[in-house]
Amino acid sequence: MDQSVLIILFFAAIFIFGGLLFVIISFTKGSARALDQDKFRSRWMRIESQLQRNNEASYTVAIMEADKLLDQALRERGLQGKTMADRMKQCQGKWTNGNGVWAAHKLRNKLAHEADVRVDYERSRQALVSFKQALKDIGAI
């Protein structure tokens, strides 16, 4: 074979190898990590059982715990961000009920940062339903 043909084949092989390497890295770099569903289901069941109709303190605790569980799932999924909201924004297209999960998270923030916020049983249940769906949407439960 001619030397120029060998050089062309050499560069073609390098180009093909580089392309394959790029494709492999692209598909594996941002892939979501699998979550331990048993662990998340167990914690979720504990949160749901904490909510008691005649115990107002349980409403706040359940919402706070559900929010923490969702944040843990987002982190374990490998989502980056300074705040939970930053991590949630990365799932914008994955939420079945995006407005609901955002409302639940905002309710948690109000409960955590504002002294005069009260929540009733129905609103607590609604927030938990939204958190549960979000956990399902990202494969945690």
C-alpha atoms as a PDB file:
ATOM      1  CA  MET A   1       0.000   0.000   0.000  1.00  0.00           C
ATOM      2  CA  ASP A   2       0.956   3.516  -0.618  1.00  0.00           C
ATOM      3  CA  GLN A   3       2.196   5.560   2.365  1.00  0.00           C
ATOM      4  CA  SER A   4      -0.480   8.233   1.882  1.00  0.00           C
ATOM      5  CA  VAL A   5      -3.224   5.570   2.065  1.00  0.00           C
ATOM      6  CA  LEU A   6      -1.774   4.303   5.356  1.00  0.00           C
ATOM      7  CA  ILE A   7      -1.750   7.824   6.766  1.00  0.00           C
ATOM      8  CA  ILE A   8      -5.384   8.337   5.729  1.00  0.00           C
ATOM      9  CA  LEU A   9      -6.384   4.999   7.302  1.00  0.00           C
ATOM     10  CA  PHE A  10      -4.497   5.901  10.480  1.00  0.00           C
ATOM     11  CA  PHE A  11      -6.323   9.232  10.836  1.00  0.00           C
ATOM     12  CA  ALA A  12      -9.654   7.618   9.974  1.00  0.00           C
ATOM     13  CA  ALA A  13      -9.101   5.034  12.726  1.00  0.00           C
ATOM     14  CA  ILE A  14      -8.256   7.790  15.216  1.00  0.00           C
ATOM     15  CA  PHE A  15     -11.354   9.745  14.162  1.00  0.00           C
ATOM     16  CA  ILE A  16     -13.620   6.702  14.540  1.00  0.00           C
ATOM     17  CA  PHE A  17     -12.107   5.796  17.918  1.00  0.00           C
ATOM     18  CA  GLY A  18     -12.503   9.386  19.128  1.00  0.00           C
ATOM     19  CA  GLY A  19     -16.122   9.459  17.993  1.00  0.00           C
ATOM     20  CA  LEU A  20     -16.912   6.218  19.801  1.00  0.00           C
ATOM     21  CA  LEU A  21     -15.209   7.480  22.941  1.00  0.00           C
ATOM     22  CA  PHE A  22     -17.215  10.714  22.762  1.00  0.00           C
ATOM     23  CA  VAL A  23     -20.498   8.811  22.394  1.00  0.00           C
ATOM     24  CA  ILE A  24     -19.694   6.522  25.336  1.00  0.00           C
ATOM     25  CA  ILE A  25     -18.759   9.446  27.585  1.00  0.00           C
ATOM     26  CA  SER A  26     -21.843  11.427  26.529  1.00  0.00           C
ATOM     27  CA  PHE A  27     -24.218   8.602  27.402  1.00  0.00           C
ATOM     28  CA  THR A  28     -22.640   7.707  30.738  1.00  0.00           C
ATOM     29  CA  LYS A  29     -21.630  11.112  32.105  1.00  0.00           C
ATOM     30  CA  GLY A  30     -25.013  12.522  33.099  1.00  0.00           C
ATOM     31  CA  SER A  31     -26.849   9.291  33.679  1.00  0.00           C
ATOM     32  CA  ALA A  32     -29.037   9.174  36.740  1.00  0.00           C
ATOM     33  CA  ARG A  33     -27.945   6.890  39.522  1.00  0.00           C
ATOM     34  CA  ALA A  34     -30.236   4.105  40.641  1.00  0.00           C
ATOM     35  CA  LEU A  35     -31.848   4.646  44.020  1.00  0.00           C
ATOM     36  CA  ASP A  36     -32.404   2.147  46.823  1.00  0.00           C
ATOM     37  CA  GLN A  37     -36.181   1.957  46.503  1.00  0.00           C
ATOM     38  CA  ASP A  38     -36.610  -0.232  49.577  1.00  0.00           C
ATOM     39  CA  LYS A  39     -34.888   2.376  51.740  1.00  0.00           C
ATOM     40  CA  PHE A  40     -36.987   5.201  50.316  1.00  0.00           C
ATOM     41  CA  ARG A  41     -40.250   3.216  50.544  1.00  0.00           C
ATOM     42  CA  SER A  42     -39.540   2.372  54.175  1.00  0.00           C
ATOM     43  CA  ARG A  43     -38.851   5.996  55.055  1.00  0.00           C
ATOM     44  CA  TRP A  44     -41.911   7.104  53.111  1.00  0.00           C
ATOM     45  CA  MET A  45     -44.180   4.693  54.991  1.00  0.00           C
ATOM     46  CA  ARG A  46     -42.796   6.053  58.268  1.00  0.00           C
ATOM     47  CA  ILE A  47     -43.569   9.623  57.152  1.00  0.00           C
ATOM     48  CA  GLU A  48     -47.136   8.734  56.153  1.00  0.00           C
ATOM     49  CA  SER A  49     -47.721   6.961  59.442  1.00  0.00           C
ATOM     50  CA  GLN A  50     -46.535  10.053  61.368  1.00  0.00           C
ATOM     51  CA  LEU A  51     -49.387  12.148  59.985  1.00  0.00           C
ATOM     52  CA  GLN A  52     -52.275  11.983  62.448  1.00  0.00           C
ATOM     53  CA  ARG A  53     -55.558  13.785  61.861  1.00  0.00           C
ATOM     54  CA  ASN A  54     -55.930  15.082  65.438  1.00  0.00           C
ATOM     55  CA  ASN A  55     -52.293  16.058  65.961  1.00  0.00           C
ATOM     56  CA  GLU A  56     -51.424  19.420  64.370  1.00  0.00           C
ATOM     57  CA  ALA A  57     -47.729  19.074  65.173  1.00  0.00           C
ATOM     58  CA  SER A  58     -47.632  15.914  63.054  1.00  0.00           C
ATOM     59  CA  TYR A  59     -48.707  17.909  59.987  1.00  0.00           C
ATOM     60  CA  THR A  60     -45.583  20.046  60.048  1.00  0.00           C
ATOM     61  CA  VAL A  61     -43.268  17.156  60.899  1.00  0.00           C
ATOM     62  CA  ALA A  62     -44.600  15.027  58.039  1.00  0.00           C
ATOM     63  CA  ILE A  63     -44.188  17.841  55.500  1.00  0.00           C
ATOM     64  CA  MET A  64     -40.656  18.625  56.689  1.00  0.00           C
ATOM     65  CA  GLU A  65     -39.641  14.961  56.582  1.00  0.00           C
ATOM     66  CA  ALA A  66     -41.175  14.412  53.138  1.00  0.00           C
ATOM     67  CA  ASP A  67     -39.322  17.432  51.774  1.00  0.00           C
ATOM     68  CA  LYS A  68     -36.041  16.149  53.239  1.00  0.00           C
ATOM     69  CA  LEU A  69     -36.643  12.717  51.730  1.00  0.00           C
ATOM     70  CA  LEU A  70     -37.234  14.196  48.273  1.00  0.00           C
ATOM     71  CA  ASP A  71     -34.077  16.286  48.572  1.00  0.00           C
ATOM     72  CA  GLN A  72     -32.085  13.221  49.588  1.00  0.00           C
ATOM     73  CA  ALA A  73     -33.427  11.342  46.557  1.00  0.00           C
ATOM     74  CA  LEU A  74     -32.490  14.227  44.257  1.00  0.00           C
ATOM     75  CA  ARG A  75     -28.964  14.306  45.687  1.00  0.00           C
ATOM     76  CA  GLU A  76     -28.559  10.541  45.427  1.00  0.00           C
ATOM     77  CA  ARG A  77     -29.749  10.765  41.830  1.00  0.00           C
ATOM     78  CA  GLY A  78     -26.679  12.914  41.261  1.00  0.00           C
ATOM     79  CA  LEU A  79     -28.441  16.228  40.737  1.00  0.00           C
ATOM     80  CA  GLN A  80     -26.270  19.208  41.560  1.00  0.00           C
ATOM     81  CA  GLY A  81     -27.301  22.539  42.957  1.00  0.00           C
ATOM     82  CA  LYS A  82     -26.750  24.863  45.851  1.00  0.00           C
ATOM     83  CA  THR A  83     -30.354  24.552  47.025  1.00  0.00           C
ATOM     84  CA  MET A  84     -33.110  21.997  46.766  1.00  0.00           C
ATOM     85  CA  ALA A  85     -34.905  24.341  44.367  1.00  0.00           C
ATOM     86  CA  ASP A  86     -31.856  24.229  42.075  1.00  0.00           C
ATOM     87  CA  ARG A  87     -32.021  20.438  42.076  1.00  0.00           C
ATOM     88  CA  MET A  88     -35.794  20.457  41.541  1.00  0.00           C
ATOM     89  CA  LYS A  89     -35.450  22.722  38.494  1.00  0.00           C
ATOM     90  CA  GLN A  90     -33.376  20.018  36.815  1.00  0.00           C
ATOM     91  CA  CYS A  91     -36.391  17.675  37.032  1.00  0.00           C
ATOM     92  CA  GLN A  92     -38.850  20.216  35.642  1.00  0.00           C
ATOM     93  CA  GLY A  93     -39.916  18.001  32.733  1.00  0.00           C
ATOM     94  CA  LYS A  94     -40.083  14.824  34.806  1.00  0.00           C
ATOM     95  CA  TRP A  95     -42.666  15.846  37.396  1.00  0.00           C
ATOM     96  CA  THR A  96     -46.159  14.478  36.835  1.00  0.00           C
ATOM     97  CA  ASN A  97     -47.500  17.333  38.966  1.00  0.00           C
ATOM     98  CA  GLY A  98     -44.850  20.041  38.863  1.00  0.00           C
ATOM     99  CA  ASN A  99     -47.082  22.701  40.382  1.00  0.00           C
ATOM    100  CA  GLY A 100     -48.001  20.394  43.248  1.00  0.00           C
ATOM    101  CA  VAL A 101     -44.441  19.493  44.191  1.00  0.00           C
ATOM    102  CA  TRP A 102     -43.372  23.145  44.006  1.00  0.00           C
ATOM    103  CA  ALA A 103     -46.339  24.172  46.173  1.00  0.00           C
ATOM    104  CA  ALA A 104     -45.454  21.458  48.702  1.00  0.00           C
ATOM    105  CA  HIS A 105     -41.819  22.595  48.810  1.00  0.00           C
ATOM    106  CA  LYS A 106     -42.875  26.239  49.217  1.00  0.00           C
ATOM    107  CA  LEU A 107     -45.212  25.214  52.036  1.00  0.00           C
ATOM    108  CA  ARG A 108     -42.288  23.480  53.736  1.00  0.00           C
ATOM    109  CA  ASN A 109     -40.225  26.659  53.393  1.00  0.00           C
ATOM    110  CA  LYS A 110     -42.998  28.736  54.947  1.00  0.00           C
ATOM    111  CA  LEU A 111     -43.325  26.294  57.836  1.00  0.00           C
ATOM    112  CA  ALA A 112     -39.569  26.387  58.387  1.00  0.00           C
ATOM    113  CA  HIS A 113     -39.044  30.137  58.108  1.00  0.00           C
ATOM    114  CA  GLU A 114     -42.260  31.881  59.134  1.00  0.00           C
ATOM    115  CA  ALA A 115     -43.540  31.756  62.702  1.00  0.00           C
ATOM    116  CA  ASP A 116     -47.253  32.280  62.125  1.00  0.00           C
ATOM    117  CA  VAL A 117     -47.896  29.675  59.411  1.00  0.00           C
ATOM    118  CA  ARG A 118     -50.489  27.021  60.187  1.00  0.00           C
ATOM    119  CA  VAL A 119     -51.539  24.118  58.066  1.00  0.00           C
ATOM    120  CA  ASP A 120     -54.572  21.870  58.338  1.00  0.00           C
ATOM    121  CA  TYR A 121     -54.819  18.130  57.856  1.00  0.00           C
ATOM    122  CA  GLU A 122     -56.144  18.309  54.280  1.00  0.00           C
ATOM    123  CA  ARG A 123     -53.369  20.651  53.131  1.00  0.00           C
ATOM    124  CA  SER A 124     -50.816  18.364  54.771  1.00  0.00           C
ATOM    125  CA  ARG A 125     -52.272  15.338  52.957  1.00  0.00           C
ATOM    126  CA  GLN A 126     -52.213  17.259  49.686  1.00  0.00           C
ATOM    127  CA  ALA A 127     -48.539  18.153  50.184  1.00  0.00           C
ATOM    128  CA  LEU A 128     -47.688  14.537  51.001  1.00  0.00           C
ATOM    129  CA  VAL A 129     -49.494  13.335  47.869  1.00  0.00           C
ATOM    130  CA  SER A 130     -47.377  15.753  45.810  1.00  0.00           C
ATOM    131  CA  PHE A 131     -44.134  14.676  47.486  1.00  0.00           C
ATOM    132  CA  LYS A 132     -45.035  11.010  46.991  1.00  0.00           C
ATOM    133  CA  GLN A 133     -45.697  11.514  43.279  1.00  0.00           C
ATOM    134  CA  ALA A 134     -42.405  13.389  42.905  1.00  0.00           C
ATOM    135  CA  LEU A 135     -40.576  10.498  44.584  1.00  0.00           C
ATOM    136  CA  LYS A 136     -42.274   8.097  42.163  1.00  0.00           C
ATOM    137  CA  ASP A 137     -41.400  10.329  39.211  1.00  0.00           C
ATOM    138  CA  ILE A 138     -37.680  10.140  39.965  1.00  0.00           C
ATOM    139  CA  GLY A 139     -37.728   6.425  40.749  1.00  0.00           C
ATOM    140  CA  ALA A 140     -37.232   6.614  44.502  1.00  0.00           C
ATOM    141  CA  ILE A 141     -40.402   4.699  45.413  1.00  0.00           C
END
